């Protein structure tokens, strides 16, 4: 059981994730209303973000001055640190943050944020000091993310802004936004408004595990506007976070079928938005009109989300409807497939091709018996073996093993934990144990690993407080291993003791689940 520690000490450098190279220096740099920034061309976005975080210590405006002692600079000499690497020097006389690329500066800004006294994270604190330090830092993996399911339980866009801020604090760079499922459709599609008008609302929700006969009797609904999602994308980009949308096909589509029965295998059948949990037996039909419908959906998704990656789902696709549908059986024969079960891979290929033609990269969940198109990035959730098998076939892979990265699984056996997930808890030590190294004797496969991400499916997670209670501090452990794969559990636990106080200052309920809904700004 991962018990909360006693009141921790305040180590000077309790940074999470741990920088690759860090040396403590003597002295401290004082922040106050007289502090001035010197910003070189190309560093303006990082300076804007820094002003946001330093406002409690420096007042409402951190002005630019040519002789400013707090310097943010793009420096081509650091191009060996890549897109996200940076160097940071803090001395009594000044602060110098350098990077070859603007994203690297954004990562360094988050380190500065963590160096602030806890009191200065969310409340006025004149005279805050940064400890002297020399840091050179670069991530091991380019994909360090977190999935948030807003289909099962909708969350307002204001909370998604906070969620992004907390990801950025931990130098995570991807928010995987699960926008559609059997229980709700949250993505606005101008061509098909019924998707949100009908698919965005369900009459009630199951209150027990899959198969339960208990329901809460309360309607649940919600969807985003284009303006809200555009604002979220901009907010995330300003923090170096990419929002990757997921529109799942050809399973997990009951909400879409409720809005558009003609997309199903029995067009004359009327379905409701699913009120159950578990795997719904309904899947999309395989007619040309269905393919065209979802190509239009994906066009609108790609118009709204500039992410180079677009997730197209592909998990948990029952094939019984296809096996009993004359149209699906005929389609399988027409396409030269072995049978209706192969329509799963065929459908994914059609969607992936559409994403590729738009200049984007499709991402899909790995499933046993379904081969994904060669250009798909594979997200492996059932077993790491799927990841390595995909890497051998030439796919880029993202590790998302449910036994180590599913944060809807219990943290421990306590009463606040989700009720439905079987097996042992996914505790902090288990998450820290995520290993992205390739199997022995296959070192070249390391080049196919983009990284890893956490998952929070929200069947039993209705509130922002519950989201954060289940996410933290486990996401701290995953962020650590994705940034630097060095295995040093004792050192991580020591730093996490200090970092917990930082989370507390930001209002993150990492140890207990509060009754209130208020949050400090992240």
Protein backbone atom coordinates (compact mmCIF):
# COMPACT_ATOMS: atom_id res chain seq x y z
CA UNK A 1 0.00 0.00 0.00
CA UNK A 2 1.33 3.43 -0.94
CA UNK A 3 0.78 5.37 2.29
CA UNK A 4 1.28 9.14 2.34
CA UNK A 5 4.54 10.09 4.01
CA UNK A 6 4.76 12.27 7.09
CA UNK A 7 5.24 16.01 6.64
CA UNK A 8 8.27 16.08 4.34
CA UNK A 9 11.41 18.11 4.59
CA UNK A 10 11.87 20.87 2.05
CA UNK A 11 14.85 19.78 -0.01
CA UNK A 12 16.25 22.61 -2.11
CA UNK A 13 16.09 20.64 -5.30
CA UNK A 14 13.13 18.26 -5.07
CA UNK A 15 12.65 18.34 -8.85
CA UNK A 16 10.35 15.87 -10.64
CA UNK A 17 11.35 14.65 -13.13
CA UNK A 18 14.99 14.66 -12.11
CA UNK A 19 17.23 16.68 -14.45
CA UNK A 20 19.82 14.67 -16.33
CA UNK A 21 22.65 16.77 -14.90
CA UNK A 22 22.34 18.97 -11.82
CA UNK A 23 24.90 20.68 -9.61
CA UNK A 24 24.02 22.81 -6.60
CA UNK A 25 25.73 26.21 -6.44
CA UNK A 26 26.19 28.59 -3.57
CA UNK A 27 23.91 31.58 -3.06
CA UNK A 28 20.37 32.42 -4.09
CA UNK A 29 18.70 34.76 -6.57
CA UNK A 30 16.03 37.04 -5.12
CA UNK A 31 12.83 37.77 -7.06
CA UNK A 32 10.93 40.98 -6.36
CA UNK A 33 9.28 43.93 -8.07
CA UNK A 34 12.67 45.20 -9.30
CA UNK A 35 13.51 42.00 -11.22
CA UNK A 36 13.83 42.56 -14.96
CA UNK A 37 13.88 40.11 -17.85
CA UNK A 38 16.16 40.14 -20.84
CA UNK A 39 14.52 38.20 -23.66
CA UNK A 40 16.28 37.38 -26.93
CA UNK A 41 14.36 37.02 -30.22
CA UNK A 42 12.42 33.75 -30.31
CA UNK A 43 12.12 33.46 -26.52
CA UNK A 44 9.03 35.63 -26.16
CA UNK A 45 6.53 32.79 -25.62
CA UNK A 46 8.64 31.34 -22.83
CA UNK A 47 8.91 34.80 -21.27
CA UNK A 48 5.12 35.18 -21.31
CA UNK A 49 4.72 31.84 -19.54
CA UNK A 50 7.42 32.71 -17.02
CA UNK A 51 5.64 35.95 -16.17
CA UNK A 52 2.51 33.94 -15.38
CA UNK A 53 4.36 31.77 -12.88
CA UNK A 54 6.50 34.49 -11.30
CA UNK A 55 3.66 36.97 -10.80
CA UNK A 56 3.17 36.05 -7.09
CA UNK A 57 6.83 36.87 -6.46
CA UNK A 58 7.44 39.82 -8.79
CA UNK A 59 4.10 41.61 -8.99
CA UNK A 60 1.74 42.09 -11.95
CA UNK A 61 4.37 42.74 -14.61
CA UNK A 62 7.87 41.42 -15.12
CA UNK A 63 9.30 44.02 -17.48
CA UNK A 64 11.89 43.57 -20.21
CA UNK A 65 15.17 45.47 -19.91
CA UNK A 66 18.38 45.23 -21.92
CA UNK A 67 20.34 45.02 -18.68
CA UNK A 68 17.92 42.55 -17.06
CA UNK A 69 19.56 39.93 -14.89
CA UNK A 70 16.98 37.22 -15.63
CA UNK A 71 17.85 36.10 -19.16
CA UNK A 72 15.92 33.83 -21.55
CA UNK A 73 17.82 33.09 -24.73
CA UNK A 74 17.73 30.87 -27.78
CA UNK A 75 21.25 29.56 -28.26
CA UNK A 76 22.20 27.48 -31.34
CA UNK A 77 25.19 26.14 -29.41
CA UNK A 78 22.74 23.93 -27.49
CA UNK A 79 21.25 22.26 -30.57
CA UNK A 80 22.77 18.98 -29.40
CA UNK A 81 20.06 18.98 -26.70
CA UNK A 82 17.38 18.69 -29.35
CA UNK A 83 13.86 20.07 -29.38
CA UNK A 84 13.24 19.98 -25.63
CA UNK A 85 16.63 20.23 -23.95
CA UNK A 86 17.76 23.30 -22.01
CA UNK A 87 20.45 24.69 -19.75
CA UNK A 88 19.74 26.66 -16.58
CA UNK A 89 22.13 28.60 -14.35
CA UNK A 90 21.01 30.36 -11.16
CA UNK A 91 23.48 32.46 -9.17
CA UNK A 92 23.11 35.37 -6.71
CA UNK A 93 23.71 37.76 -9.61
CA UNK A 94 21.33 36.41 -12.22
CA UNK A 95 19.43 33.62 -13.94
CA UNK A 96 20.26 32.33 -17.41
CA UNK A 97 17.90 29.95 -19.22
CA UNK A 98 19.08 28.79 -22.64
CA UNK A 99 17.83 26.34 -25.26
CA UNK A 100 18.24 25.74 -28.95
CA UNK A 101 14.49 25.63 -29.51
CA UNK A 102 11.53 27.50 -27.97
CA UNK A 103 10.11 24.25 -26.57
CA UNK A 104 13.31 23.71 -24.62
CA UNK A 105 12.83 27.11 -22.99
CA UNK A 106 9.30 26.09 -21.99
CA UNK A 107 10.70 23.00 -20.26
CA UNK A 108 13.22 25.16 -18.43
CA UNK A 109 10.45 27.50 -17.30
CA UNK A 110 8.80 24.55 -15.57
CA UNK A 111 12.05 23.80 -13.74
CA UNK A 112 12.16 27.41 -12.55
CA UNK A 113 8.55 27.02 -11.44
CA UNK A 114 9.52 23.99 -9.35
CA UNK A 115 12.45 25.88 -7.83
CA UNK A 116 10.12 28.52 -6.40
CA UNK A 117 9.21 28.32 -2.71
CA UNK A 118 5.98 26.39 -2.31
CA UNK A 119 4.27 29.50 -0.92
CA UNK A 120 4.98 31.40 -4.14
CA UNK A 121 3.24 28.90 -6.40
CA UNK A 122 -0.27 30.23 -5.94
CA UNK A 123 -0.24 33.24 -3.59
CA UNK A 124 1.62 36.58 -3.35
CA UNK A 125 5.06 36.03 -1.89
CA UNK A 126 7.40 39.00 -2.21
CA UNK A 127 11.08 38.24 -1.95
CA UNK A 128 10.98 34.64 -3.15
CA UNK A 129 14.42 33.19 -3.83
CA UNK A 130 15.66 30.64 -6.32
CA UNK A 131 18.44 28.36 -5.09
CA UNK A 132 21.78 28.44 -6.87
CA UNK A 133 21.97 25.62 -9.40
CA UNK A 134 23.51 24.52 -12.69
CA UNK A 135 21.30 22.24 -14.83
CA UNK A 136 21.67 20.62 -18.22
CA UNK A 137 18.58 18.64 -19.14
CA UNK A 138 17.11 16.68 -22.03
CA UNK A 139 14.35 14.04 -22.20
CA UNK A 140 14.98 10.43 -23.15
CA UNK A 141 11.68 10.05 -25.06
CA UNK A 142 9.66 12.40 -27.28
CA UNK A 143 6.20 11.12 -26.23
CA UNK A 144 5.41 11.67 -22.54
CA UNK A 145 1.71 11.88 -22.10
CA UNK A 146 -1.56 11.37 -20.30
CA UNK A 147 -4.93 10.20 -21.60
CA UNK A 148 -8.02 11.76 -20.08
CA UNK A 149 -11.38 10.19 -20.89
CA UNK A 150 -14.01 12.94 -21.13
CA UNK A 151 -16.51 10.67 -22.91
CA UNK A 152 -17.62 8.59 -19.90
CA UNK A 153 -17.70 11.63 -17.60
CA UNK A 154 -17.59 15.03 -19.23
CA UNK A 155 -15.30 17.70 -17.74
CA UNK A 156 -15.59 21.45 -18.46
CA UNK A 157 -12.90 23.00 -20.59
CA UNK A 158 -11.84 25.19 -17.66
CA UNK A 159 -10.74 22.06 -15.85
CA UNK A 160 -8.90 20.79 -18.93
CA UNK A 161 -6.82 23.99 -18.78
CA UNK A 162 -5.81 23.14 -15.23
CA UNK A 163 -5.12 19.53 -16.20
CA UNK A 164 -2.75 20.75 -18.94
CA UNK A 165 -0.98 23.08 -16.49
CA UNK A 166 -0.26 20.14 -14.20
CA UNK A 167 1.02 18.03 -17.10
CA UNK A 168 3.35 20.85 -18.10
CA UNK A 169 4.65 21.14 -14.53
CA UNK A 170 5.91 17.56 -14.88
CA UNK A 171 7.35 18.17 -18.37
CA UNK A 172 4.75 15.95 -20.02
CA UNK A 173 4.14 17.02 -23.58
CA UNK A 174 1.00 15.20 -24.73
CA UNK A 175 -2.63 15.35 -23.66
CA UNK A 176 -4.45 12.43 -25.30
CA UNK A 177 -8.08 13.56 -25.23
CA UNK A 178 -10.54 10.66 -25.47
CA UNK A 179 -13.51 12.52 -26.97
CA UNK A 180 -15.94 9.79 -28.05
CA UNK A 181 -17.20 6.48 -26.73
CA UNK A 182 -20.33 4.40 -26.24
CA UNK A 183 -21.44 6.62 -23.35
CA UNK A 184 -20.94 10.05 -24.91
CA UNK A 185 -19.77 12.08 -27.92
CA UNK A 186 -18.04 15.35 -26.94
CA UNK A 187 -16.47 16.48 -30.23
CA UNK A 188 -18.40 19.16 -32.17
CA UNK A 189 -18.88 18.23 -35.83
CA UNK A 190 -20.58 20.97 -37.84
CA UNK A 191 -21.59 18.56 -40.60
CA UNK A 192 -23.34 16.27 -38.11
CA UNK A 193 -24.71 18.26 -35.16
CA UNK A 194 -26.79 15.28 -33.94
CA UNK A 195 -23.54 13.66 -32.75
CA UNK A 196 -23.44 16.06 -29.79
CA UNK A 197 -27.14 16.97 -29.63
CA UNK A 198 -28.15 13.32 -29.17
CA UNK A 199 -24.86 11.47 -28.66
CA UNK A 200 -23.66 13.93 -26.01
CA UNK A 201 -26.34 12.95 -23.47
CA UNK A 202 -27.26 9.73 -21.68
CA UNK A 203 -30.21 9.13 -19.39
CA UNK A 204 -28.24 7.59 -16.50
CA UNK A 205 -25.00 5.83 -15.59
CA UNK A 206 -24.23 2.40 -14.20
CA UNK A 207 -23.06 2.63 -10.59
CA UNK A 208 -21.33 -0.72 -10.32
CA UNK A 209 -18.88 -2.72 -12.43
CA UNK A 210 -19.72 -4.01 -15.91
CA UNK A 211 -22.70 -6.31 -15.61
CA UNK A 212 -24.20 -4.45 -12.65
CA UNK A 213 -27.96 -3.87 -12.48
CA UNK A 214 -27.60 -0.66 -10.47
CA UNK A 215 -27.91 2.81 -12.07
CA UNK A 216 -27.88 6.31 -10.64
CA UNK A 217 -31.01 7.59 -12.42
CA UNK A 218 -29.30 10.91 -13.21
CA UNK A 219 -28.91 12.27 -16.77
CA UNK A 220 -25.33 13.06 -17.77
CA UNK A 221 -24.19 15.10 -20.73
CA UNK A 222 -21.94 17.72 -22.20
CA UNK A 223 -19.94 18.61 -25.27
CA UNK A 224 -17.36 21.17 -26.29
CA UNK A 225 -17.66 24.04 -28.72
CA UNK A 226 -15.11 24.64 -31.43
CA UNK A 227 -14.07 27.84 -29.67
CA UNK A 228 -13.48 25.97 -26.41
CA UNK A 229 -11.30 23.36 -28.06
CA UNK A 230 -9.40 25.98 -30.06
CA UNK A 231 -8.69 27.79 -26.80
CA UNK A 232 -7.56 24.57 -25.14
CA UNK A 233 -5.17 23.81 -27.99
CA UNK A 234 -3.67 27.31 -27.72
CA UNK A 235 -3.41 27.11 -23.92
CA UNK A 236 -1.61 23.76 -24.21
CA UNK A 237 0.71 24.93 -26.99
CA UNK A 238 1.80 27.90 -24.88
CA UNK A 239 3.00 25.32 -22.33
CA UNK A 240 4.62 22.97 -24.82
CA UNK A 241 1.80 20.43 -24.68
CA UNK A 242 0.19 18.91 -27.78
CA UNK A 243 -3.47 17.88 -27.62
CA UNK A 244 -3.95 14.59 -29.48
CA UNK A 245 -7.65 13.92 -30.16
CA UNK A 246 -9.10 10.42 -30.26
CA UNK A 247 -12.16 9.53 -32.33
CA UNK A 248 -12.61 5.82 -31.75
CA UNK A 249 -13.76 3.46 -34.55
CA UNK A 250 -15.13 0.98 -35.47
CA UNK A 251 -16.09 -0.04 -31.90
CA UNK A 252 -16.96 2.13 -28.89
CA UNK A 253 -19.44 3.95 -31.14
CA UNK A 254 -22.84 3.49 -29.45
CA UNK A 255 -23.25 7.26 -28.92
CA UNK A 256 -22.70 7.86 -32.65
CA UNK A 257 -25.18 5.09 -33.51
CA UNK A 258 -27.78 6.65 -31.22
CA UNK A 259 -27.47 9.86 -33.21
CA UNK A 260 -27.15 8.21 -36.63
CA UNK A 261 -28.66 4.68 -36.78
CA UNK A 262 -27.83 4.52 -40.50
CA UNK A 263 -24.16 4.02 -39.53
CA UNK A 264 -24.86 0.66 -37.91
CA UNK A 265 -25.26 -2.90 -39.11
CA UNK A 266 -29.03 -2.69 -38.57
CA UNK A 267 -30.00 0.81 -39.79
CA UNK A 268 -33.62 0.34 -38.79
CA UNK A 269 -32.77 -0.23 -35.15
CA UNK A 270 -33.06 2.64 -32.65
CA UNK A 271 -30.38 2.69 -29.97
CA UNK A 272 -29.86 4.93 -26.97
CA UNK A 273 -26.56 6.34 -25.76
CA UNK A 274 -25.19 3.48 -23.68
CA UNK A 275 -25.75 3.70 -19.94
CA UNK A 276 -23.65 0.61 -19.13
CA UNK A 277 -19.92 0.14 -18.65
CA UNK A 278 -17.86 -2.55 -20.34
CA UNK A 279 -17.57 -3.50 -24.01
CA UNK A 280 -20.65 -2.63 -26.06
CA UNK A 281 -21.50 -5.20 -28.78
CA UNK A 282 -22.51 -2.57 -31.34
CA UNK A 283 -20.00 -1.60 -34.04
CA UNK A 284 -20.08 0.47 -37.19
CA UNK A 285 -21.34 -0.87 -40.47
CA UNK A 286 -18.88 -1.16 -43.34
CA UNK A 287 -20.70 0.55 -46.19
CA UNK A 288 -19.12 3.36 -48.19
CA UNK A 289 -21.48 5.87 -46.55
CA UNK A 290 -20.04 4.96 -43.13
CA UNK A 291 -16.48 5.46 -44.34
CA UNK A 292 -17.41 8.81 -45.91
CA UNK A 293 -19.17 9.92 -42.71
CA UNK A 294 -16.11 9.33 -40.58
CA UNK A 295 -13.76 10.83 -43.14
CA UNK A 296 -15.79 14.01 -42.77
CA UNK A 297 -15.58 13.73 -38.97
CA UNK A 298 -11.82 13.32 -39.16
CA UNK A 299 -11.53 16.30 -41.51
CA UNK A 300 -13.21 18.49 -38.91
CA UNK A 301 -11.06 17.01 -36.15
CA UNK A 302 -7.88 17.74 -38.09
CA UNK A 303 -9.10 21.25 -38.87
CA UNK A 304 -9.46 21.91 -35.14
CA UNK A 305 -6.43 20.05 -33.77
CA UNK A 306 -3.04 20.83 -35.39
CA UNK A 307 -1.40 17.82 -33.69
CA UNK A 308 0.78 15.77 -36.04
CA UNK A 309 -0.86 12.67 -34.49
CA UNK A 310 -4.55 11.74 -34.73
CA UNK A 311 -5.81 8.78 -32.70
CA UNK A 312 -8.42 6.63 -34.46
CA UNK A 313 -9.17 4.11 -31.68
CA UNK A 314 -9.36 0.48 -32.80
CA UNK A 315 -9.63 -1.28 -29.43
CA UNK A 316 -12.23 -3.76 -28.20
CA UNK A 317 -14.11 -4.37 -31.46
CA UNK A 318 -16.62 -7.24 -31.18
CA UNK A 319 -17.23 -8.84 -34.59
CA UNK A 320 -20.52 -10.67 -33.93
CA UNK A 321 -22.60 -8.05 -35.73
CA UNK A 322 -20.41 -8.31 -38.81
CA UNK A 323 -20.54 -12.10 -38.76
CA UNK A 324 -24.34 -12.05 -38.87
CA UNK A 325 -24.70 -9.13 -41.30
CA UNK A 326 -25.15 -10.11 -44.99
CA UNK A 327 -23.75 -6.71 -46.00
CA UNK A 328 -20.63 -7.15 -43.87
CA UNK A 329 -20.09 -10.74 -45.06
CA UNK A 330 -20.40 -9.53 -48.65
CA UNK A 331 -18.01 -6.65 -48.02
CA UNK A 332 -15.39 -9.01 -46.59
CA UNK A 333 -15.66 -11.21 -49.68
CA UNK A 334 -15.54 -8.20 -52.00
CA UNK A 335 -12.32 -6.99 -50.35
CA UNK A 336 -10.70 -10.42 -50.51
CA UNK A 337 -10.64 -10.85 -46.74
CA UNK A 338 -10.66 -14.21 -44.99
CA UNK A 339 -13.93 -13.35 -43.29
CA UNK A 340 -15.88 -10.67 -41.41
CA UNK A 341 -13.42 -10.62 -38.51
CA UNK A 342 -10.81 -9.15 -40.83
CA UNK A 343 -13.04 -6.12 -41.36
CA UNK A 344 -11.53 -4.69 -38.17
CA UNK A 345 -8.09 -4.21 -39.76
CA UNK A 346 -9.67 -3.26 -43.09
CA UNK A 347 -11.71 -0.47 -41.48
CA UNK A 348 -8.70 0.84 -39.58
CA UNK A 349 -6.67 0.89 -42.81
CA UNK A 350 -9.29 3.06 -44.51
CA UNK A 351 -9.30 5.58 -41.67
CA UNK A 352 -5.51 5.55 -41.35
CA UNK A 353 -5.12 6.19 -45.08
CA UNK A 354 -7.37 9.24 -44.81
CA UNK A 355 -5.31 10.65 -41.94
CA UNK A 356 -2.09 10.00 -43.86
CA UNK A 357 -3.36 11.75 -46.98
CA UNK A 358 -3.99 14.81 -44.82
CA UNK A 359 -0.32 14.82 -43.82
CA UNK A 360 -0.90 13.52 -40.28
CA UNK A 361 0.16 10.34 -38.49
CA UNK A 362 -2.52 7.89 -37.34
CA UNK A 363 -2.31 6.31 -33.89
CA UNK A 364 -4.29 3.20 -32.91
CA UNK A 365 -4.60 0.76 -30.04
CA UNK A 366 -2.97 -2.64 -30.51
CA UNK A 367 -5.33 -5.61 -30.45
CA UNK A 368 -4.67 -9.34 -30.70
CA UNK A 369 -5.38 -10.67 -34.19
CA UNK A 370 -5.75 -7.26 -35.84
CA UNK A 371 -2.80 -6.03 -37.90
CA UNK A 372 -2.60 -2.26 -38.15
CA UNK A 373 -1.50 -0.42 -41.30
CA UNK A 374 2.29 -0.01 -41.55
CA UNK A 375 2.22 3.76 -41.06
CA UNK A 376 0.16 3.59 -37.85
CA UNK A 377 1.82 4.41 -34.56
CA UNK A 378 0.86 1.58 -32.23
CA UNK A 379 -0.33 2.23 -28.68
CA UNK A 380 0.17 -1.01 -26.75
CA UNK A 381 -2.16 -1.46 -23.77
CA UNK A 382 -2.81 -5.17 -23.22
CA UNK A 383 0.79 -6.38 -22.94
CA UNK A 384 4.27 -5.02 -23.68
CA UNK A 385 4.68 -7.97 -26.06
CA UNK A 386 2.36 -6.21 -28.48
CA UNK A 387 4.62 -3.16 -28.44
CA UNK A 388 7.73 -5.14 -29.27
CA UNK A 389 5.94 -7.19 -31.93
CA UNK A 390 4.78 -3.96 -33.58
CA UNK A 391 8.29 -2.47 -33.34
CA UNK A 392 9.69 -5.52 -35.13
CA UNK A 393 7.19 -4.91 -37.92
CA UNK A 394 8.51 -1.35 -38.21
CA UNK A 395 5.85 0.58 -36.28
CA UNK A 396 6.62 3.39 -33.89
CA UNK A 397 5.22 2.37 -30.51
CA UNK A 398 3.90 3.98 -27.33
CA UNK A 399 3.80 1.92 -24.15
CA UNK A 400 0.47 2.13 -22.29
CA UNK A 401 0.32 -1.22 -20.47
CA UNK A 402 -2.82 -1.37 -18.36
CA UNK A 403 -1.09 -3.08 -15.43
CA UNK A 404 1.33 -0.17 -15.03
CA UNK A 405 -0.23 2.96 -16.57
CA UNK A 406 -4.01 2.72 -16.00
CA UNK A 407 -4.71 5.19 -13.24
CA UNK A 408 -8.39 4.22 -13.01
CA UNK A 409 -7.04 1.12 -11.28
CA UNK A 410 -6.80 1.41 -7.52
CA UNK A 411 -3.79 3.13 -5.95
CA UNK A 412 -4.30 0.85 -2.95
CA UNK A 413 -7.17 -1.20 -1.43
CA UNK A 414 -8.69 1.88 0.28
CA UNK A 415 -12.36 2.98 0.18
CA UNK A 416 -11.75 5.88 -2.25
CA UNK A 417 -10.55 3.59 -5.01
CA UNK A 418 -12.49 2.66 -8.17
CA UNK A 419 -14.78 -0.29 -7.51
CA UNK A 420 -14.52 -2.31 -10.65
CA UNK A 421 -10.97 -3.11 -11.66
CA UNK A 422 -9.72 -6.62 -10.91
CA UNK A 423 -6.31 -7.68 -9.68
CA UNK A 424 -3.70 -5.99 -7.59
CA UNK A 425 -3.58 -2.18 -7.30
CA UNK A 426 -1.42 -0.15 -9.66
CA UNK A 427 0.59 1.48 -6.91
CA UNK A 428 3.31 4.10 -7.11
CA UNK A 429 6.12 1.54 -7.20
CA UNK A 430 4.45 -0.32 -10.05
CA UNK A 431 4.17 2.83 -12.14
CA UNK A 432 7.78 3.73 -11.42
CA UNK A 433 8.71 0.28 -12.69
CA UNK A 434 7.65 1.08 -16.27
CA UNK A 435 10.54 -0.10 -18.43
CA UNK A 436 10.88 1.18 -21.98
CA UNK A 437 14.12 -0.67 -22.72
CA UNK A 438 13.90 -3.21 -25.57
CA UNK A 439 14.23 -6.97 -25.01
CA UNK A 440 17.73 -8.34 -24.58
CA UNK A 441 19.57 -8.73 -27.84
CA UNK A 442 17.36 -6.30 -29.79
CA UNK A 443 18.87 -2.86 -29.09
CA UNK A 444 17.70 -1.41 -32.42
CA UNK A 445 14.08 -1.63 -31.27
CA UNK A 446 14.79 1.23 -28.85
CA UNK A 447 14.63 3.58 -31.84
CA UNK A 448 10.99 2.62 -32.42
CA UNK A 449 9.85 3.58 -28.90
CA UNK A 450 8.32 7.06 -28.85
CA UNK A 451 7.60 6.88 -25.13
CA UNK A 452 4.78 6.19 -22.72
CA UNK A 453 1.65 7.70 -21.24
CA UNK A 454 -0.77 7.27 -18.37
CA UNK A 455 -4.47 6.51 -18.88
CA UNK A 456 -7.44 7.65 -16.82
CA UNK A 457 -10.71 6.10 -17.93
CA UNK A 458 -13.55 7.77 -16.08
CA UNK A 459 -16.39 5.29 -15.67
CA UNK A 460 -15.96 5.67 -11.90
CA UNK A 461 -14.23 9.05 -11.86
CA UNK A 462 -16.87 11.79 -12.09
CA UNK A 463 -15.12 14.83 -10.59
CA UNK A 464 -11.91 16.82 -11.07
CA UNK A 465 -10.96 16.03 -7.47
CA UNK A 466 -11.19 12.31 -8.13
CA UNK A 467 -9.21 12.72 -11.35
CA UNK A 468 -6.34 14.36 -9.50
CA UNK A 469 -6.49 11.98 -6.53
CA UNK A 470 -6.05 9.00 -8.88
CA UNK A 471 -3.53 10.71 -11.16
CA UNK A 472 -1.11 12.07 -8.55
CA UNK A 473 1.45 11.17 -7.42
CA UNK A 474 1.43 8.18 -9.82
CA UNK A 475 1.86 10.42 -12.84
CA UNK A 476 4.94 11.91 -11.16
CA UNK A 477 6.53 8.45 -11.29
CA UNK A 478 5.65 7.97 -14.96
CA UNK A 479 6.92 11.44 -15.85
CA UNK A 480 10.20 10.60 -14.13
CA UNK A 481 10.77 7.37 -16.07
CA UNK A 482 9.71 8.88 -19.40
CA UNK A 483 12.14 11.79 -18.99
CA UNK A 484 15.07 9.83 -17.57
CA UNK A 485 14.91 6.01 -17.53
CA UNK A 486 17.57 5.72 -14.80
CA UNK A 487 16.15 3.43 -12.10
CA UNK A 488 16.76 5.03 -8.70
CA UNK A 489 13.67 4.46 -6.59
CA UNK A 490 15.14 5.68 -3.26
CA UNK A 491 16.22 8.98 -4.81
CA UNK A 492 12.82 9.43 -6.48
CA UNK A 493 10.99 8.80 -3.21
CA UNK A 494 13.15 11.36 -1.44
CA UNK A 495 12.44 14.01 -4.05
CA UNK A 496 8.76 13.08 -4.16
CA UNK A 497 8.46 13.86 -0.45
CA UNK A 498 9.35 17.47 -1.26
CA UNK A 499 7.29 17.48 -4.44
CA UNK A 500 4.16 16.42 -2.54
CA UNK A 501 4.31 19.73 -0.68
CA UNK A 502 4.41 21.45 -4.08
CA UNK A 503 1.30 19.54 -5.17
CA UNK A 504 -0.43 20.50 -1.94
CA UNK A 505 0.37 24.17 -2.55
CA UNK A 506 -1.30 23.85 -5.96
CA UNK A 507 -4.42 22.30 -4.45
CA UNK A 508 -3.86 18.80 -5.84
CA UNK A 509 -5.55 16.18 -3.61
CA UNK A 510 -2.74 13.64 -3.94
CA UNK A 511 -3.27 11.92 -0.58
CA UNK A 512 -6.96 12.26 0.25
CA UNK A 513 -10.09 13.05 -1.70
CA UNK A 514 -11.63 16.32 -0.43
CA UNK A 515 -15.32 17.14 -0.33
CA UNK A 516 -14.92 20.56 -1.89
CA UNK A 517 -14.65 21.36 -5.60
CA UNK A 518 -12.44 24.45 -5.37
CA UNK A 519 -8.98 24.40 -6.93
CA UNK A 520 -5.97 26.64 -6.62
CA UNK A 521 -4.76 27.73 -10.06
CA UNK A 522 -2.16 25.29 -11.39
